[in-house]
Amino acid sequence: MSLIPPAILPLLEGQNLTDKGCIPLTDTIAQTNLPHNFNAVPPGLFSGCNATKSELATIRVEAKNGWASLNFISTASVQEMVGE
């Protein structure tokens, strides 16, 4: 929570991000105040982060193909990135 930019905090409506960095399902700004069936959300989708230790990944591509496409999912839009 200490890494969330101050401008984002009001959007959380006094709630914390989940341990996966998600806006809570009960946040009416993000999820609206329309009726929801929160029981239909699979366990672990928004919370349940488990710390792991792994080696850095190496992504190899064939230069002869001219390009490579990668997609990353991240909460970087609402959190600051901190490098070491």
N, C-alpha and C. Protein backbone atom coordinates (compact mmCIF):
# COMPACT_ATOMS: atom_id res chain seq x y z
N MET A 1 0.83 -1.19 0.00
CA MET A 1 0.00 0.00 0.00
C MET A 1 0.87 1.26 0.00
N SER A 2 2.06 1.17 0.55
CA SER A 2 2.94 2.34 0.61
C SER A 2 3.45 2.75 -0.76
N LEU A 3 3.32 1.90 -1.76
CA LEU A 3 3.81 2.20 -3.11
C LEU A 3 2.72 2.76 -4.02
N ILE A 4 1.50 2.87 -3.53
CA ILE A 4 0.40 3.38 -4.36
C ILE A 4 0.51 4.90 -4.46
N PRO A 5 0.51 5.45 -5.67
CA PRO A 5 0.56 6.90 -5.82
C PRO A 5 -0.64 7.55 -5.12
N PRO A 6 -0.43 8.68 -4.44
CA PRO A 6 -1.51 9.33 -3.70
C PRO A 6 -2.76 9.60 -4.52
N ALA A 7 -2.62 9.88 -5.80
CA ALA A 7 -3.79 10.16 -6.64
C ALA A 7 -4.70 8.96 -6.79
N ILE A 8 -4.20 7.76 -6.58
CA ILE A 8 -4.98 6.53 -6.73
C ILE A 8 -5.74 6.18 -5.46
N LEU A 9 -5.24 6.58 -4.31
CA LEU A 9 -5.83 6.19 -3.03
C LEU A 9 -7.33 6.43 -2.93
N PRO A 10 -7.88 7.58 -3.38
CA PRO A 10 -9.33 7.77 -3.28
C PRO A 10 -10.14 6.73 -4.05
N LEU A 11 -9.57 6.17 -5.10
CA LEU A 11 -10.28 5.15 -5.87
C LEU A 11 -10.49 3.86 -5.08
N LEU A 12 -9.69 3.67 -4.05
CA LEU A 12 -9.80 2.45 -3.25
C LEU A 12 -10.89 2.55 -2.18
N GLU A 13 -11.47 3.71 -2.02
CA GLU A 13 -12.58 3.91 -1.07
C GLU A 13 -12.23 3.43 0.34
N GLY A 14 -10.99 3.69 0.77
CA GLY A 14 -10.56 3.31 2.11
C GLY A 14 -10.17 1.85 2.25
N GLN A 15 -10.20 1.09 1.16
CA GLN A 15 -9.83 -0.32 1.20
C GLN A 15 -8.37 -0.49 0.77
N ASN A 16 -7.81 -1.63 1.04
CA ASN A 16 -6.46 -1.96 0.59
C ASN A 16 -6.53 -2.76 -0.70
N LEU A 17 -5.46 -2.70 -1.48
CA LEU A 17 -5.34 -3.62 -2.60
C LEU A 17 -5.25 -5.03 -2.04
N THR A 18 -5.64 -6.00 -2.83
CA THR A 18 -5.50 -7.38 -2.38
C THR A 18 -4.02 -7.75 -2.38
N ASP A 19 -3.70 -8.90 -1.84
CA ASP A 19 -2.29 -9.32 -1.80
C ASP A 19 -1.71 -9.55 -3.20
N LYS A 20 -2.56 -9.64 -4.21
CA LYS A 20 -2.11 -9.75 -5.60
C LYS A 20 -2.04 -8.38 -6.28
N GLY A 21 -2.35 -7.32 -5.54
CA GLY A 21 -2.29 -5.99 -6.11
C GLY A 21 -3.55 -5.60 -6.85
N CYS A 22 -4.65 -6.29 -6.62
CA CYS A 22 -5.92 -6.00 -7.30
C CYS A 22 -6.78 -5.05 -6.48
N ILE A 23 -7.59 -4.28 -7.17
CA ILE A 23 -8.61 -3.47 -6.51
C ILE A 23 -9.67 -4.44 -5.99
N PRO A 24 -10.12 -4.29 -4.74
CA PRO A 24 -11.09 -5.23 -4.18
C PRO A 24 -12.38 -5.32 -5.00
N LEU A 25 -12.96 -6.49 -5.04
CA LEU A 25 -14.21 -6.69 -5.77
C LEU A 25 -15.33 -5.80 -5.25
N THR A 26 -15.28 -5.45 -3.99
CA THR A 26 -16.35 -4.64 -3.39
C THR A 26 -16.17 -3.14 -3.64
N ASP A 27 -15.15 -2.75 -4.39
CA ASP A 27 -14.91 -1.34 -4.69
C ASP A 27 -15.95 -0.87 -5.72
N THR A 28 -16.81 0.05 -5.32
CA THR A 28 -17.91 0.47 -6.21
C THR A 28 -17.45 1.39 -7.34
N ILE A 29 -16.30 2.03 -7.19
CA ILE A 29 -15.80 2.86 -8.30
C ILE A 29 -15.30 1.95 -9.43
N ALA A 30 -14.56 0.92 -9.08
CA ALA A 30 -14.02 0.01 -10.10
C ALA A 30 -15.07 -0.98 -10.61
N GLN A 31 -15.90 -1.47 -9.71
CA GLN A 31 -16.84 -2.53 -10.06
C GLN A 31 -18.28 -2.04 -10.23
N THR A 32 -18.53 -0.78 -10.02
CA THR A 32 -19.86 -0.16 -10.03
C THR A 32 -20.68 -0.67 -8.85
N ASN A 33 -21.81 -0.08 -8.64
CA ASN A 33 -22.67 -0.53 -7.54
C ASN A 33 -23.87 -1.34 -8.05
N LEU A 34 -23.77 -1.87 -9.26
CA LEU A 34 -24.78 -2.77 -9.79
C LEU A 34 -24.72 -4.09 -9.04
N PRO A 35 -25.75 -4.89 -9.09
CA PRO A 35 -25.71 -6.19 -8.40
C PRO A 35 -24.61 -7.09 -8.96
N HIS A 36 -23.92 -7.78 -8.06
CA HIS A 36 -22.85 -8.69 -8.44
C HIS A 36 -23.05 -10.03 -7.74
N ASN A 37 -22.52 -11.07 -8.33
CA ASN A 37 -22.47 -12.38 -7.68
C ASN A 37 -21.01 -12.67 -7.37
N PHE A 38 -20.53 -12.14 -6.25
CA PHE A 38 -19.13 -12.31 -5.90
C PHE A 38 -18.78 -13.77 -5.62
N ASN A 39 -19.76 -14.58 -5.30
CA ASN A 39 -19.51 -16.01 -5.07
C ASN A 39 -19.10 -16.73 -6.35
N ALA A 40 -19.38 -16.13 -7.51
CA ALA A 40 -19.03 -16.75 -8.79
C ALA A 40 -17.56 -16.51 -9.16
N VAL A 41 -16.88 -15.64 -8.42
CA VAL A 41 -15.47 -15.35 -8.70
C VAL A 41 -14.62 -16.50 -8.15
N PRO A 42 -13.83 -17.13 -8.99
CA PRO A 42 -13.03 -18.27 -8.52
C PRO A 42 -12.06 -17.87 -7.41
N PRO A 43 -11.90 -18.72 -6.41
CA PRO A 43 -10.92 -18.44 -5.36
C PRO A 43 -9.52 -18.28 -5.97
N GLY A 44 -8.80 -17.31 -5.48
CA GLY A 44 -7.44 -17.09 -5.97
C GLY A 44 -7.33 -16.15 -7.14
N LEU A 45 -8.46 -15.72 -7.72
CA LEU A 45 -8.40 -14.82 -8.87
C LEU A 45 -7.90 -13.44 -8.46
N PHE A 46 -8.41 -12.90 -7.36
CA PHE A 46 -8.05 -11.56 -6.92
C PHE A 46 -7.15 -11.57 -5.69
N SER A 47 -7.07 -12.67 -4.98
CA SER A 47 -6.24 -12.73 -3.78
C SER A 47 -5.67 -14.13 -3.62
N GLY A 48 -4.72 -14.26 -2.71
CA GLY A 48 -4.10 -15.55 -2.48
C GLY A 48 -2.70 -15.64 -3.06
N CYS A 49 -1.98 -14.53 -3.04
CA CYS A 49 -0.62 -14.50 -3.57
C CYS A 49 0.30 -15.34 -2.69
N ASN A 50 1.14 -16.12 -3.32
CA ASN A 50 2.12 -16.93 -2.61
C ASN A 50 3.51 -16.53 -3.08
N ALA A 51 4.33 -16.11 -2.13
CA ALA A 51 5.69 -15.72 -2.47
C ALA A 51 6.45 -16.94 -2.99
N THR A 52 7.18 -16.74 -4.04
CA THR A 52 7.99 -17.81 -4.60
C THR A 52 9.40 -17.30 -4.86
N LYS A 53 10.29 -18.21 -5.02
CA LYS A 53 11.65 -17.86 -5.40
C LYS A 53 11.97 -18.66 -6.65
N SER A 54 12.37 -17.96 -7.67
CA SER A 54 12.73 -18.65 -8.91
C SER A 54 13.87 -17.89 -9.57
N GLU A 55 14.52 -18.54 -10.48
CA GLU A 55 15.59 -17.89 -11.22
C GLU A 55 14.98 -16.92 -12.21
N LEU A 56 15.77 -15.95 -12.64
CA LEU A 56 15.30 -15.00 -13.64
C LEU A 56 15.00 -15.75 -14.93
N ALA A 57 13.97 -15.32 -15.60
CA ALA A 57 13.57 -15.97 -16.85
C ALA A 57 14.39 -15.42 -18.02
N THR A 58 14.68 -16.26 -18.96
CA THR A 58 15.32 -15.86 -20.20
C THR A 58 14.37 -16.19 -21.33
N ILE A 59 14.05 -15.20 -22.12
CA ILE A 59 13.14 -15.40 -23.24
C ILE A 59 13.96 -15.36 -24.52
N ARG A 60 14.01 -16.47 -25.19
CA ARG A 60 14.79 -16.57 -26.42
C ARG A 60 13.85 -16.45 -27.63
N VAL A 61 14.27 -15.67 -28.59
CA VAL A 61 13.49 -15.50 -29.81
C VAL A 61 14.40 -15.72 -31.02
N GLU A 62 13.78 -16.00 -32.11
CA GLU A 62 14.52 -16.18 -33.36
C GLU A 62 14.64 -14.83 -34.07
N ALA A 63 15.83 -14.28 -34.11
CA ALA A 63 16.05 -12.97 -34.75
C ALA A 63 15.64 -12.99 -36.22
N LYS A 64 15.77 -14.13 -36.86
CA LYS A 64 15.44 -14.22 -38.28
C LYS A 64 13.95 -13.98 -38.54
N ASN A 65 13.10 -14.13 -37.51
CA ASN A 65 11.67 -13.87 -37.67
C ASN A 65 11.35 -12.38 -37.67
N GLY A 66 12.29 -11.56 -37.24
CA GLY A 66 12.13 -10.12 -37.33
C GLY A 66 11.47 -9.45 -36.14
N TRP A 67 10.71 -10.17 -35.34
CA TRP A 67 10.07 -9.57 -34.19
C TRP A 67 9.58 -10.65 -33.23
N ALA A 68 9.25 -10.23 -32.03
CA ALA A 68 8.66 -11.12 -31.02
C ALA A 68 7.60 -10.31 -30.28
N SER A 69 6.55 -10.95 -29.86
CA SER A 69 5.47 -10.28 -29.14
C SER A 69 5.35 -10.90 -27.75
N LEU A 70 5.38 -10.05 -26.73
CA LEU A 70 5.24 -10.50 -25.34
C LEU A 70 4.11 -9.72 -24.69
N ASN A 71 3.33 -10.36 -23.86
CA ASN A 71 2.27 -9.70 -23.11
C ASN A 71 2.50 -9.95 -21.63
N PHE A 72 2.52 -8.88 -20.84
CA PHE A 72 2.70 -8.99 -19.41
C PHE A 72 1.49 -8.42 -18.70
N ILE A 73 1.04 -9.09 -17.67
CA ILE A 73 -0.07 -8.60 -16.87
C ILE A 73 0.51 -8.08 -15.57
N SER A 74 0.15 -6.86 -15.21
CA SER A 74 0.77 -6.22 -14.06
C SER A 74 -0.13 -5.15 -13.48
N THR A 75 0.09 -4.82 -12.22
CA THR A 75 -0.63 -3.71 -11.60
C THR A 75 0.18 -2.43 -11.68
N ALA A 76 1.11 -2.36 -12.60
CA ALA A 76 1.98 -1.20 -12.70
C ALA A 76 1.22 0.10 -12.94
N SER A 77 -0.01 0.00 -13.44
CA SER A 77 -0.76 1.23 -13.70
C SER A 77 -1.23 1.89 -12.40
N VAL A 78 -1.27 1.14 -11.29
CA VAL A 78 -1.69 1.73 -10.02
C VAL A 78 -0.61 1.67 -8.95
N GLN A 79 0.53 1.11 -9.27
CA GLN A 79 1.63 1.03 -8.32
C GLN A 79 2.89 1.56 -8.94
N GLU A 80 3.78 2.02 -8.08
CA GLU A 80 5.06 2.50 -8.56
C GLU A 80 5.99 1.31 -8.77
N MET A 81 6.80 1.40 -9.78
CA MET A 81 7.78 0.35 -10.02
C MET A 81 9.04 0.69 -9.24
N VAL A 82 9.57 -0.27 -8.55
CA VAL A 82 10.78 -0.08 -7.75
C VAL A 82 11.82 -1.06 -8.25
N GLY A 83 12.93 -0.56 -8.74
CA GLY A 83 13.99 -1.42 -9.22
C GLY A 83 15.09 -1.56 -8.19
N GLU A 84 15.84 -2.61 -8.33
CA GLU A 84 16.95 -2.82 -7.40
C GLU A 84 18.25 -2.57 -8.10
